[in-house]
């Protein structure tokens, strides 16, 4: 089976810096995945889990963490490398969810 790369990054909404170690998995199309968002001191996360089924191509998910005391509506960004522009127009590749 061909494997594809799923990368989940944890990014500061303020300056775009990485605030936790990214999770990178090699998965086959159709494999289910569950990534738990780590607790990061001084930050809050709008989601606690990123879960779904791996598509037949690489995918990158950015979870935006907000410094405590700051409000933001932006929570997650998906780069679905199976779409022509590399940006998904569906939620997490269409078969994934955040909670």
Protein backbone atom coordinates (compact mmCIF):
# COMPACT_ATOMS: atom_id res chain seq x y z
CA UNK A 1 0.00 0.00 0.00
CA UNK A 2 1.14 3.50 -0.77
CA UNK A 3 1.47 5.73 2.27
CA UNK A 4 0.80 9.44 2.51
CA UNK A 5 1.89 12.03 5.05
CA UNK A 6 -0.50 13.64 7.52
CA UNK A 7 1.01 16.59 9.39
CA UNK A 8 -0.86 18.32 12.23
CA UNK A 9 0.81 21.54 13.42
CA UNK A 10 -0.01 23.64 16.49
CA UNK A 11 0.40 27.32 15.66
CA UNK A 12 0.07 30.59 17.61
CA UNK A 13 -2.77 32.66 16.15
CA UNK A 14 -0.83 35.82 17.04
CA UNK A 15 2.47 35.40 15.22
CA UNK A 16 2.28 32.06 13.38
CA UNK A 17 4.99 30.49 15.51
CA UNK A 18 4.94 26.79 16.31
CA UNK A 19 3.92 26.34 19.97
CA UNK A 20 4.06 22.53 20.18
CA UNK A 21 5.80 19.75 18.31
CA UNK A 22 3.89 18.83 15.14
CA UNK A 23 2.50 15.33 14.74
CA UNK A 24 3.49 13.60 11.50
CA UNK A 25 2.06 10.23 10.53
CA UNK A 26 2.53 8.01 7.51
CA UNK A 27 -0.86 6.53 6.69
CA UNK A 28 -2.49 4.61 3.87
CA UNK A 29 -5.61 5.92 2.18
CA UNK A 30 -8.60 4.87 4.25
CA UNK A 31 -6.71 4.65 7.55
CA UNK A 32 -8.47 6.34 10.46
CA UNK A 33 -6.54 8.81 12.60
CA UNK A 34 -7.05 10.61 15.90
CA UNK A 35 -4.68 13.38 16.99
CA UNK A 36 -5.06 14.92 20.44
CA UNK A 37 -4.21 18.61 20.67
CA UNK A 38 -1.58 19.04 23.40
CA UNK A 39 -2.05 21.38 26.33
CA UNK A 40 0.29 24.34 25.89
CA UNK A 41 0.92 26.59 28.88
CA UNK A 42 -0.42 30.10 28.26
CA UNK A 43 -2.56 29.05 25.28
CA UNK A 44 -6.06 27.78 24.75
CA UNK A 45 -7.19 25.61 21.90
CA UNK A 46 -10.65 25.76 20.35
CA UNK A 47 -10.45 22.03 19.61
CA UNK A 48 -9.15 19.05 21.56
CA UNK A 49 -9.10 16.37 18.86
CA UNK A 50 -8.52 16.20 15.11
CA UNK A 51 -9.85 12.94 13.70
CA UNK A 52 -10.77 11.52 10.33
CA UNK A 53 -9.91 9.14 7.53
CA UNK A 54 -6.76 9.63 5.50
CA UNK A 55 -7.38 10.60 1.86
CA UNK A 56 -5.35 9.17 -1.02
CA UNK A 57 -2.80 12.03 -0.86
CA UNK A 58 -0.78 14.08 1.64
CA UNK A 59 -2.66 16.42 3.97
CA UNK A 60 -1.63 19.14 6.41
CA UNK A 61 -3.78 20.50 9.25
CA UNK A 62 -2.90 23.61 11.27
CA UNK A 63 -4.60 24.01 14.64
CA UNK A 64 -4.42 27.63 15.81
CA UNK A 65 -3.93 28.14 19.54
CA UNK A 66 -4.81 31.45 21.14
CA UNK A 67 -2.87 33.09 23.98
CA UNK A 68 -4.98 33.23 27.11
CA UNK A 69 -7.00 36.44 27.27
CA UNK A 70 -7.23 36.89 23.49
CA UNK A 71 -10.34 35.98 21.49
CA UNK A 72 -10.18 34.64 17.96
CA UNK A 73 -12.61 32.95 15.61
CA UNK A 74 -9.95 31.29 13.45
CA UNK A 75 -9.39 27.77 14.64
CA UNK A 76 -8.11 25.40 11.97
CA UNK A 77 -6.74 25.41 8.42
CA UNK A 78 -6.49 22.42 6.12
CA UNK A 79 -4.15 22.01 3.18
CA UNK A 80 -5.60 19.13 1.20
CA UNK A 81 -2.99 18.30 -1.40
CA UNK A 82 -5.53 16.41 -3.48
CA UNK A 83 -7.30 19.61 -4.50
CA UNK A 84 -6.07 21.71 -7.42
CA UNK A 85 -4.99 24.71 -5.30
CA UNK A 86 -3.91 22.70 -2.28
CA UNK A 87 -6.53 24.26 -0.03
CA UNK A 88 -9.51 22.17 1.00
CA UNK A 89 -12.96 23.64 0.57
CA UNK A 90 -14.42 20.93 2.77
CA UNK A 91 -13.93 20.36 6.45
CA UNK A 92 -10.85 18.22 6.98
CA UNK A 93 -11.01 16.48 3.66
CA UNK A 94 -14.74 15.82 3.93
CA UNK A 95 -14.48 12.81 6.25
CA UNK A 96 -12.90 14.27 9.36
CA UNK A 97 -13.95 16.31 12.32
CA UNK A 98 -12.68 18.46 15.11
CA UNK A 99 -14.09 18.53 18.60
